[in-house]
């Protein structure tokens, strides 16, 4: 099977993007994988540090790897938003295909130092184990939480958007494989509507950085912005809040209609379907399958 890096390159050549969806439990994994397999497109499963602690680092890898080997399917595992070297190293050692070192709160040179340390370890591990591990980093600020927001988080705006020249410098100094810039995106969903993406900035960053770009905070972004962002250089798109909301609403509806039911497989079935529906719609859009 081709590596994640090869699938990303293929996505760029096709003018599409790979969907990245986070999980906190088995129901999320089922819903995401059902949608991806239905459309026969590659997919990335992400676990933040909090999600990973709940699911289990090794358990997550075992689940994804078992599916990949059983079905010979391009499903990949990413350590989403890990904040220190040890947590990134732990994910790589456990078998993850990629990891994100999120050091945006550090001064730039400290961010670079930590990120390069992760990149160097990933390269060393890849060479020893004949496995292509990708390291991604963020530059700029887009907030920190995948939840419903009353307003834009403090600090998110034009002043904290990633600059093309900074992206170029950062990539050259760190050697990262993927870059997640701030281009008008925001983690979570703003109740009044998410801001529009700066498509021109995306194009400038892709051209200057020389590496594929990842769009975090995809929940709540318009279809038009997604299409234009992919054309401008986005190769991976993260969705989390949308599937969390779908899960919660389906669960609430079932329990309201069936207050005496205590069988988890009955209670959670609708939540799996709700996640699958959201993911399928996003994957169709990202892969130009409308």
C-alpha atoms as a PDB file:
ATOM      1  CA  UNK A   1       0.000   0.000   0.000  1.00  0.00           C
ATOM      2  CA  UNK A   2       1.140   3.538  -0.711  1.00  0.00           C
ATOM      3  CA  UNK A   3       2.236   5.710   2.209  1.00  0.00           C
ATOM      4  CA  UNK A   4       0.279   8.692   3.501  1.00  0.00           C
ATOM      5  CA  UNK A   5       2.847  10.973   1.892  1.00  0.00           C
ATOM      6  CA  UNK A   6       2.222   9.342  -1.475  1.00  0.00           C
ATOM      7  CA  UNK A   7      -1.541   9.737  -1.095  1.00  0.00           C
ATOM      8  CA  UNK A   8      -1.076  13.418  -0.254  1.00  0.00           C
ATOM      9  CA  UNK A   9       1.027  13.912  -3.372  1.00  0.00           C
ATOM     10  CA  UNK A  10      -1.617  12.126  -5.415  1.00  0.00           C
ATOM     11  CA  UNK A  11      -4.337  14.350  -3.924  1.00  0.00           C
ATOM     12  CA  UNK A  12      -2.383  17.452  -4.968  1.00  0.00           C
ATOM     13  CA  UNK A  13      -2.036  16.133  -8.503  1.00  0.00           C
ATOM     14  CA  UNK A  14      -5.773  15.422  -8.680  1.00  0.00           C
ATOM     15  CA  UNK A  15      -6.758  18.762  -7.167  1.00  0.00           C
ATOM     16  CA  UNK A  16      -8.552  17.175  -4.206  1.00  0.00           C
ATOM     17  CA  UNK A  17      -7.994  17.022  -0.444  1.00  0.00           C
ATOM     18  CA  UNK A  18      -7.845  14.159   2.044  1.00  0.00           C
ATOM     19  CA  UNK A  19     -10.353  14.333   4.875  1.00  0.00           C
ATOM     20  CA  UNK A  20      -9.037  14.168   8.453  1.00  0.00           C
ATOM     21  CA  UNK A  21     -11.581  13.351  11.182  1.00  0.00           C
ATOM     22  CA  UNK A  22     -11.021  12.974  14.910  1.00  0.00           C
ATOM     23  CA  UNK A  23     -12.396  10.196  17.072  1.00  0.00           C
ATOM     24  CA  UNK A  24     -13.042   9.782  20.772  1.00  0.00           C
ATOM     25  CA  UNK A  25     -14.624   6.340  20.622  1.00  0.00           C
ATOM     26  CA  UNK A  26     -15.405   3.321  18.447  1.00  0.00           C
ATOM     27  CA  UNK A  27     -18.660   4.828  17.194  1.00  0.00           C
ATOM     28  CA  UNK A  28     -16.769   7.720  15.646  1.00  0.00           C
ATOM     29  CA  UNK A  29     -14.366   5.361  13.915  1.00  0.00           C
ATOM     30  CA  UNK A  30     -17.224   3.278  12.503  1.00  0.00           C
ATOM     31  CA  UNK A  31     -19.049   6.326  11.148  1.00  0.00           C
ATOM     32  CA  UNK A  32     -15.940   7.790   9.521  1.00  0.00           C
ATOM     33  CA  UNK A  33     -14.711   4.539   8.018  1.00  0.00           C
ATOM     34  CA  UNK A  34     -18.162   3.590   6.710  1.00  0.00           C
ATOM     35  CA  UNK A  35     -18.316   6.857   4.780  1.00  0.00           C
ATOM     36  CA  UNK A  36     -14.771   6.644   3.414  1.00  0.00           C
ATOM     37  CA  UNK A  37     -15.140   3.037   2.308  1.00  0.00           C
ATOM     38  CA  UNK A  38     -18.463   3.796   0.637  1.00  0.00           C
ATOM     39  CA  UNK A  39     -16.736   6.431  -1.505  1.00  0.00           C
ATOM     40  CA  UNK A  40     -13.443   4.518  -1.822  1.00  0.00           C
ATOM     41  CA  UNK A  41     -11.259   7.466  -0.810  1.00  0.00           C
ATOM     42  CA  UNK A  42      -8.313   7.629   1.603  1.00  0.00           C
ATOM     43  CA  UNK A  43      -9.011   8.987   5.069  1.00  0.00           C
ATOM     44  CA  UNK A  44      -7.037  10.108   8.100  1.00  0.00           C
ATOM     45  CA  UNK A  45      -8.143   9.402  11.667  1.00  0.00           C
ATOM     46  CA  UNK A  46      -6.889  11.919  14.214  1.00  0.00           C
ATOM     47  CA  UNK A  47      -6.540  11.796  17.976  1.00  0.00           C
ATOM     48  CA  UNK A  48      -5.580  14.851  19.995  1.00  0.00           C
ATOM     49  CA  UNK A  49      -3.740  14.316  23.263  1.00  0.00           C
ATOM     50  CA  UNK A  50      -7.033  14.320  25.149  1.00  0.00           C
ATOM     51  CA  UNK A  51      -8.735  11.935  22.732  1.00  0.00           C
ATOM     52  CA  UNK A  52      -5.680   9.697  22.709  1.00  0.00           C
ATOM     53  CA  UNK A  53      -5.643   9.503  26.511  1.00  0.00           C
ATOM     54  CA  UNK A  54      -9.290   8.400  26.446  1.00  0.00           C
ATOM     55  CA  UNK A  55      -9.063   5.909  23.571  1.00  0.00           C
ATOM     56  CA  UNK A  56      -5.544   4.657  24.298  1.00  0.00           C
ATOM     57  CA  UNK A  57      -2.457   5.255  22.182  1.00  0.00           C
ATOM     58  CA  UNK A  58      -1.687   1.623  21.382  1.00  0.00           C
ATOM     59  CA  UNK A  59      -5.366   0.688  21.202  1.00  0.00           C
ATOM     60  CA  UNK A  60      -5.976   3.338  18.536  1.00  0.00           C
ATOM     61  CA  UNK A  61      -3.100   2.063  16.438  1.00  0.00           C
ATOM     62  CA  UNK A  62      -4.254  -1.542  16.803  1.00  0.00           C
ATOM     63  CA  UNK A  63      -7.749  -0.634  15.591  1.00  0.00           C
ATOM     64  CA  UNK A  64      -6.594   1.382  12.577  1.00  0.00           C
ATOM     65  CA  UNK A  65      -3.897  -1.073  11.611  1.00  0.00           C
ATOM     66  CA  UNK A  66      -6.294  -4.017  11.856  1.00  0.00           C
ATOM     67  CA  UNK A  67      -8.750  -2.288   9.506  1.00  0.00           C
ATOM     68  CA  UNK A  68      -5.949  -1.334   7.107  1.00  0.00           C
ATOM     69  CA  UNK A  69      -4.575  -4.868   6.927  1.00  0.00           C
ATOM     70  CA  UNK A  70      -7.942  -6.603   6.830  1.00  0.00           C
ATOM     71  CA  UNK A  71      -9.386  -4.475   4.043  1.00  0.00           C
ATOM     72  CA  UNK A  72      -6.132  -3.350   2.381  1.00  0.00           C
ATOM     73  CA  UNK A  73      -7.544   0.158   2.753  1.00  0.00           C
ATOM     74  CA  UNK A  74      -5.781   3.562   2.901  1.00  0.00           C
ATOM     75  CA  UNK A  75      -6.841   4.596   6.410  1.00  0.00           C
ATOM     76  CA  UNK A  76      -4.138   6.439   8.329  1.00  0.00           C
ATOM     77  CA  UNK A  77      -3.573   7.499  11.938  1.00  0.00           C
ATOM     78  CA  UNK A  78      -2.423  10.976  12.993  1.00  0.00           C
ATOM     79  CA  UNK A  79      -1.398  12.268  16.422  1.00  0.00           C
ATOM     80  CA  UNK A  80      -3.342  15.508  16.250  1.00  0.00           C
ATOM     81  CA  UNK A  81      -2.200  18.508  18.333  1.00  0.00           C
ATOM     82  CA  UNK A  82       0.513  17.026  20.516  1.00  0.00           C
ATOM     83  CA  UNK A  83       2.308  19.650  22.543  1.00  0.00           C
ATOM     84  CA  UNK A  84       5.709  18.264  23.514  1.00  0.00           C
ATOM     85  CA  UNK A  85       8.433  16.003  22.195  1.00  0.00           C
ATOM     86  CA  UNK A  86       7.630  13.042  24.436  1.00  0.00           C
ATOM     87  CA  UNK A  87       4.003  12.877  23.332  1.00  0.00           C
ATOM     88  CA  UNK A  88       5.005  13.059  19.649  1.00  0.00           C
ATOM     89  CA  UNK A  89       7.689  10.417  20.196  1.00  0.00           C
ATOM     90  CA  UNK A  90       5.181   8.180  21.959  1.00  0.00           C
ATOM     91  CA  UNK A  91       2.786   8.337  19.027  1.00  0.00           C
ATOM     92  CA  UNK A  92       5.547   7.606  16.522  1.00  0.00           C
ATOM     93  CA  UNK A  93       6.796   4.674  18.613  1.00  0.00           C
ATOM     94  CA  UNK A  94       3.241   3.330  18.814  1.00  0.00           C
ATOM     95  CA  UNK A  95       3.012   3.157  15.020  1.00  0.00           C
ATOM     96  CA  UNK A  96       1.201   6.343  14.014  1.00  0.00           C
ATOM     97  CA  UNK A  97       1.625   7.505  10.416  1.00  0.00           C
ATOM     98  CA  UNK A  98       1.931  11.192  11.282  1.00  0.00           C
ATOM     99  CA  UNK A  99       2.070  13.606  14.188  1.00  0.00           C
ATOM    100  CA  UNK A 100       1.423  17.293  14.738  1.00  0.00           C
ATOM    101  CA  UNK A 101       3.696  19.182  17.057  1.00  0.00           C
ATOM    102  CA  UNK A 102       1.718  22.226  18.158  1.00  0.00           C
ATOM    103  CA  UNK A 103       4.100  24.778  19.611  1.00  0.00           C
ATOM    104  CA  UNK A 104       2.423  27.976  18.415  1.00  0.00           C
ATOM    105  CA  UNK A 105       2.339  29.403  21.943  1.00  0.00           C
ATOM    106  CA  UNK A 106       6.128  29.352  22.097  1.00  0.00           C
ATOM    107  CA  UNK A 107       8.342  32.122  20.709  1.00  0.00           C
ATOM    108  CA  UNK A 108       9.202  31.413  17.069  1.00  0.00           C
ATOM    109  CA  UNK A 109      12.754  30.173  17.610  1.00  0.00           C
ATOM    110  CA  UNK A 110      11.666  27.868  20.450  1.00  0.00           C
ATOM    111  CA  UNK A 111       8.859  26.575  18.223  1.00  0.00           C
ATOM    112  CA  UNK A 112      11.435  25.871  15.519  1.00  0.00           C
ATOM    113  CA  UNK A 113      13.782  24.104  17.943  1.00  0.00           C
ATOM    114  CA  UNK A 114      11.064  21.809  19.302  1.00  0.00           C
ATOM    115  CA  UNK A 115       9.594  21.129  15.871  1.00  0.00           C
ATOM    116  CA  UNK A 116      12.997  20.230  14.403  1.00  0.00           C
ATOM    117  CA  UNK A 117      13.609  17.823  17.278  1.00  0.00           C
ATOM    118  CA  UNK A 118      10.373  16.021  16.359  1.00  0.00           C
ATOM    119  CA  UNK A 119      11.280  16.020  12.660  1.00  0.00           C
ATOM    120  CA  UNK A 120      14.727  14.580  13.363  1.00  0.00           C
ATOM    121  CA  UNK A 121      13.277  11.795  15.502  1.00  0.00           C
ATOM    122  CA  UNK A 122      10.653  10.950  12.869  1.00  0.00           C
ATOM    123  CA  UNK A 123      13.357  10.704  10.201  1.00  0.00           C
ATOM    124  CA  UNK A 124      15.506   8.487  12.406  1.00  0.00           C
ATOM    125  CA  UNK A 125      12.535   6.244  13.199  1.00  0.00           C
ATOM    126  CA  UNK A 126      11.487   6.091   9.534  1.00  0.00           C
ATOM    127  CA  UNK A 127      14.954   5.000   8.424  1.00  0.00           C
ATOM    128  CA  UNK A 128      15.221   2.301  11.096  1.00  0.00           C
ATOM    129  CA  UNK A 129      11.724   0.923  10.526  1.00  0.00           C
ATOM    130  CA  UNK A 130      11.292   1.517   6.795  1.00  0.00           C
ATOM    131  CA  UNK A 131       8.184   3.604   7.438  1.00  0.00           C
ATOM    132  CA  UNK A 132       7.421   7.102   6.169  1.00  0.00           C
ATOM    133  CA  UNK A 133       6.427   9.187   9.226  1.00  0.00           C
ATOM    134  CA  UNK A 134       5.176  12.709   8.534  1.00  0.00           C
ATOM    135  CA  UNK A 135       5.568  15.648  10.911  1.00  0.00           C
ATOM    136  CA  UNK A 136       3.231  18.627  10.730  1.00  0.00           C
ATOM    137  CA  UNK A 137       3.440  21.928  12.574  1.00  0.00           C
ATOM    138  CA  UNK A 138       1.213  24.966  13.012  1.00  0.00           C
ATOM    139  CA  UNK A 139       2.205  28.539  12.344  1.00  0.00           C
ATOM    140  CA  UNK A 140      -0.113  31.383  13.281  1.00  0.00           C
ATOM    141  CA  UNK A 141      -3.029  31.203  15.716  1.00  0.00           C
ATOM    142  CA  UNK A 142      -6.533  29.783  15.129  1.00  0.00           C
ATOM    143  CA  UNK A 143      -7.769  29.066  18.657  1.00  0.00           C
ATOM    144  CA  UNK A 144      -7.466  25.847  20.618  1.00  0.00           C
ATOM    145  CA  UNK A 145     -10.783  24.042  21.110  1.00  0.00           C
ATOM    146  CA  UNK A 146     -13.138  22.031  18.889  1.00  0.00           C
ATOM    147  CA  UNK A 147     -16.468  23.241  20.258  1.00  0.00           C
ATOM    148  CA  UNK A 148     -19.331  25.652  19.546  1.00  0.00           C
ATOM    149  CA  UNK A 149     -18.154  29.235  20.016  1.00  0.00           C
ATOM    150  CA  UNK A 150     -20.173  32.366  20.783  1.00  0.00           C
ATOM    151  CA  UNK A 151     -17.515  34.492  19.072  1.00  0.00           C
ATOM    152  CA  UNK A 152     -14.060  34.310  17.558  1.00  0.00           C
ATOM    153  CA  UNK A 153     -11.443  33.425  20.183  1.00  0.00           C
ATOM    154  CA  UNK A 154      -9.293  36.311  21.384  1.00  0.00           C
ATOM    155  CA  UNK A 155      -6.173  36.564  19.274  1.00  0.00           C
ATOM    156  CA  UNK A 156      -7.656  35.112  16.087  1.00  0.00           C
ATOM    157  CA  UNK A 157      -7.571  37.613  13.239  1.00  0.00           C
ATOM    158  CA  UNK A 158      -5.557  39.301  10.543  1.00  0.00           C
ATOM    159  CA  UNK A 159      -2.633  40.049  12.865  1.00  0.00           C
ATOM    160  CA  UNK A 160      -2.105  36.371  13.727  1.00  0.00           C
ATOM    161  CA  UNK A 161      -2.479  34.998  10.199  1.00  0.00           C
ATOM    162  CA  UNK A 162       0.527  33.158   8.811  1.00  0.00           C
ATOM    163  CA  UNK A 163       2.746  35.215   6.519  1.00  0.00           C
ATOM    164  CA  UNK A 164       4.210  33.602   3.418  1.00  0.00           C
ATOM    165  CA  UNK A 165       7.751  34.671   4.255  1.00  0.00           C
ATOM    166  CA  UNK A 166       7.434  33.278   7.794  1.00  0.00           C
ATOM    167  CA  UNK A 167       6.140  29.978   6.413  1.00  0.00           C
ATOM    168  CA  UNK A 168       9.131  29.711   4.094  1.00  0.00           C
ATOM    169  CA  UNK A 169      11.567  30.414   6.937  1.00  0.00           C
ATOM    170  CA  UNK A 170       9.828  27.972   9.285  1.00  0.00           C
ATOM    171  CA  UNK A 171       9.837  25.096   6.792  1.00  0.00           C
ATOM    172  CA  UNK A 172      13.474  25.674   5.859  1.00  0.00           C
ATOM    173  CA  UNK A 173      14.553  25.684   9.511  1.00  0.00           C
ATOM    174  CA  UNK A 174      12.481  22.686  10.659  1.00  0.00           C
ATOM    175  CA  UNK A 175      12.196  20.371   7.655  1.00  0.00           C
ATOM    176  CA  UNK A 176       8.521  19.627   8.364  1.00  0.00           C
ATOM    177  CA  UNK A 177       6.508  17.612   5.844  1.00  0.00           C
ATOM    178  CA  UNK A 178       3.213  19.475   6.303  1.00  0.00           C
ATOM    179  CA  UNK A 179       2.256  22.968   7.433  1.00  0.00           C
ATOM    180  CA  UNK A 180      -0.985  24.070   9.081  1.00  0.00           C
ATOM    181  CA  UNK A 181      -1.300  27.848   8.586  1.00  0.00           C
ATOM    182  CA  UNK A 182      -3.667  30.430   9.983  1.00  0.00           C
ATOM    183  CA  UNK A 183      -5.606  31.745   6.974  1.00  0.00           C
ATOM    184  CA  UNK A 184      -8.953  32.840   8.408  1.00  0.00           C
ATOM    185  CA  UNK A 185      -9.794  29.415   9.827  1.00  0.00           C
ATOM    186  CA  UNK A 186     -10.634  28.795  13.478  1.00  0.00           C
ATOM    187  CA  UNK A 187     -10.893  25.717  15.673  1.00  0.00           C
ATOM    188  CA  UNK A 188     -14.506  25.029  16.534  1.00  0.00           C
ATOM    189  CA  UNK A 189     -17.649  26.511  14.996  1.00  0.00           C
ATOM    190  CA  UNK A 190     -18.705  30.119  15.534  1.00  0.00           C
ATOM    191  CA  UNK A 191     -22.458  30.226  16.136  1.00  0.00           C
ATOM    192  CA  UNK A 192     -22.879  33.371  14.080  1.00  0.00           C
ATOM    193  CA  UNK A 193     -20.870  31.913  11.204  1.00  0.00           C
ATOM    194  CA  UNK A 194     -17.188  31.271  10.611  1.00  0.00           C
ATOM    195  CA  UNK A 195     -15.067  33.947   8.912  1.00  0.00           C
ATOM    196  CA  UNK A 196     -14.148  33.547   5.267  1.00  0.00           C
ATOM    197  CA  UNK A 197     -10.805  32.047   4.351  1.00  0.00           C
ATOM    198  CA  UNK A 198      -8.055  34.162   2.835  1.00  0.00           C
ATOM    199  CA  UNK A 199      -7.593  32.193  -0.380  1.00  0.00           C
ATOM    200  CA  UNK A 200      -4.870  34.477  -1.685  1.00  0.00           C
ATOM    201  CA  UNK A 201      -2.866  33.913   1.491  1.00  0.00           C
ATOM    202  CA  UNK A 202      -3.214  30.131   1.124  1.00  0.00           C
ATOM    203  CA  UNK A 203      -1.793  30.270  -2.386  1.00  0.00           C
ATOM    204  CA  UNK A 204       1.082  32.500  -1.304  1.00  0.00           C
ATOM    205  CA  UNK A 205       1.967  30.213   1.600  1.00  0.00           C
ATOM    206  CA  UNK A 206       1.855  27.064  -0.535  1.00  0.00           C
ATOM    207  CA  UNK A 207       4.152  28.610  -3.114  1.00  0.00           C
ATOM    208  CA  UNK A 208       6.621  29.995  -0.568  1.00  0.00           C
ATOM    209  CA  UNK A 209       6.722  27.040   1.835  1.00  0.00           C
ATOM    210  CA  UNK A 210       7.073  24.290  -0.758  1.00  0.00           C
ATOM    211  CA  UNK A 211       5.161  21.741   1.360  1.00  0.00           C
ATOM    212  CA  UNK A 212       1.529  20.560   1.324  1.00  0.00           C
ATOM    213  CA  UNK A 213      -0.823  22.581   3.520  1.00  0.00           C
ATOM    214  CA  UNK A 214      -3.323  21.370   6.090  1.00  0.00           C
ATOM    215  CA  UNK A 215      -6.501  23.277   6.930  1.00  0.00           C
ATOM    216  CA  UNK A 216      -7.408  22.961  10.589  1.00  0.00           C
ATOM    217  CA  UNK A 217     -10.738  24.140  11.938  1.00  0.00           C
ATOM    218  CA  UNK A 218     -12.717  22.951   8.917  1.00  0.00           C
ATOM    219  CA  UNK A 219     -16.050  22.744  10.739  1.00  0.00           C
ATOM    220  CA  UNK A 220     -18.367  25.561   9.710  1.00  0.00           C
ATOM    221  CA  UNK A 221     -16.439  26.634   6.622  1.00  0.00           C
ATOM    222  CA  UNK A 222     -18.523  27.182   3.474  1.00  0.00           C
ATOM    223  CA  UNK A 223     -18.415  24.755   0.550  1.00  0.00           C
ATOM    224  CA  UNK A 224     -17.204  27.547  -1.723  1.00  0.00           C
ATOM    225  CA  UNK A 225     -14.290  28.335   0.575  1.00  0.00           C
ATOM    226  CA  UNK A 226     -13.361  24.659   0.769  1.00  0.00           C
ATOM    227  CA  UNK A 227     -13.270  24.347  -3.016  1.00  0.00           C
ATOM    228  CA  UNK A 228     -11.214  27.494  -3.449  1.00  0.00           C
ATOM    229  CA  UNK A 229      -8.852  26.513  -0.630  1.00  0.00           C
ATOM    230  CA  UNK A 230      -8.147  23.153  -2.250  1.00  0.00           C
ATOM    231  CA  UNK A 231      -7.415  24.857  -5.558  1.00  0.00           C
ATOM    232  CA  UNK A 232      -5.063  27.260  -3.764  1.00  0.00           C
ATOM    233  CA  UNK A 233      -2.992  24.530  -2.108  1.00  0.00           C
ATOM    234  CA  UNK A 234      -4.810  22.793   0.759  1.00  0.00           C
ATOM    235  CA  UNK A 235      -4.221  19.016   0.693  1.00  0.00           C
ATOM    236  CA  UNK A 236      -5.722  17.864   4.018  1.00  0.00           C
ATOM    237  CA  UNK A 237      -8.797  19.222   5.800  1.00  0.00           C
ATOM    238  CA  UNK A 238      -9.598  18.664   9.494  1.00  0.00           C
ATOM    239  CA  UNK A 239     -13.174  18.209  10.656  1.00  0.00           C
ATOM    240  CA  UNK A 240     -14.017  17.560  14.296  1.00  0.00           C
ATOM    241  CA  UNK A 241     -16.664  19.859  15.790  1.00  0.00           C
ATOM    242  CA  UNK A 242     -19.218  19.017  13.081  1.00  0.00           C
ATOM    243  CA  UNK A 243     -19.099  15.306  13.867  1.00  0.00           C
ATOM    244  CA  UNK A 244     -19.155  15.956  17.601  1.00  0.00           C
ATOM    245  CA  UNK A 245     -22.331  17.996  17.191  1.00  0.00           C
ATOM    246  CA  UNK A 246     -23.906  15.313  14.976  1.00  0.00           C
ATOM    247  CA  UNK A 247     -23.055  12.649  17.558  1.00  0.00           C
ATOM    248  CA  UNK A 248     -24.477  14.659  20.458  1.00  0.00           C
ATOM    249  CA  UNK A 249     -27.708  15.605  18.681  1.00  0.00           C
ATOM    250  CA  UNK A 250     -28.402  12.037  17.518  1.00  0.00           C
ATOM    251  CA  UNK A 251     -27.759  10.708  21.007  1.00  0.00           C
ATOM    252  CA  UNK A 252     -30.041  13.296  22.617  1.00  0.00           C
ATOM    253  CA  UNK A 253     -32.821  12.567  20.134  1.00  0.00           C
ATOM    254  CA  UNK A 254     -32.684   8.813  20.713  1.00  0.00           C
ATOM    255  CA  UNK A 255     -32.670   9.108  24.502  1.00  0.00           C
ATOM    256  CA  UNK A 256     -35.562  11.554  24.396  1.00  0.00           C
ATOM    257  CA  UNK A 257     -37.629   9.148  22.298  1.00  0.00           C
ATOM    258  CA  UNK A 258     -36.478   6.019  24.157  1.00  0.00           C
ATOM    259  CA  UNK A 259     -35.902   7.043  27.803  1.00  0.00           C
ATOM    260  CA  UNK A 260     -36.083   3.485  29.128  1.00  0.00           C
ATOM    261  CA  UNK A 261     -33.633   1.928  26.686  1.00  0.00           C
ATOM    262  CA  UNK A 262     -30.309   0.905  28.246  1.00  0.00           C
ATOM    263  CA  UNK A 263     -28.702  -1.131  25.435  1.00  0.00           C
ATOM    264  CA  UNK A 264     -25.660   0.841  24.217  1.00  0.00           C
ATOM    265  CA  UNK A 265     -25.664  -0.694  20.741  1.00  0.00           C
ATOM    266  CA  UNK A 266     -29.224   0.568  20.253  1.00  0.00           C
ATOM    267  CA  UNK A 267     -28.632   3.953  21.829  1.00  0.00           C
ATOM    268  CA  UNK A 268     -25.469   4.639  19.812  1.00  0.00           C
ATOM    269  CA  UNK A 269     -26.527   3.301  16.417  1.00  0.00           C
ATOM    270  CA  UNK A 270     -28.095   6.615  15.384  1.00  0.00           C
ATOM    271  CA  UNK A 271     -24.955   8.491  16.435  1.00  0.00           C
ATOM    272  CA  UNK A 272     -22.841   6.324  14.114  1.00  0.00           C
ATOM    273  CA  UNK A 273     -25.234   7.036  11.248  1.00  0.00           C
ATOM    274  CA  UNK A 274     -25.174  10.772  11.990  1.00  0.00           C
ATOM    275  CA  UNK A 275     -21.365  10.862  11.903  1.00  0.00           C
ATOM    276  CA  UNK A 276     -21.311   8.839   8.694  1.00  0.00           C
ATOM    277  CA  UNK A 277     -23.710  11.266   7.032  1.00  0.00           C
ATOM    278  CA  UNK A 278     -21.574  14.314   7.910  1.00  0.00           C
ATOM    279  CA  UNK A 279     -18.319  12.634   6.884  1.00  0.00           C
ATOM    280  CA  UNK A 280     -19.720  11.366   3.591  1.00  0.00           C
ATOM    281  CA  UNK A 281     -20.894  14.859   2.638  1.00  0.00           C
ATOM    282  CA  UNK A 282     -17.488  16.333   3.450  1.00  0.00           C
ATOM    283  CA  UNK A 283     -15.566  13.610   1.641  1.00  0.00           C
ATOM    284  CA  UNK A 284     -17.718  14.049  -1.444  1.00  0.00           C
ATOM    285  CA  UNK A 285     -16.904  17.755  -1.445  1.00  0.00           C
ATOM    286  CA  UNK A 286     -13.179  17.345  -0.747  1.00  0.00           C
ATOM    287  CA  UNK A 287     -12.807  14.682  -3.440  1.00  0.00           C
ATOM    288  CA  UNK A 288     -14.948  16.426  -6.055  1.00  0.00           C
ATOM    289  CA  UNK A 289     -17.533  13.626  -6.011  1.00  0.00           C
ATOM    290  CA  UNK A 290     -20.671  15.793  -5.864  1.00  0.00           C
END
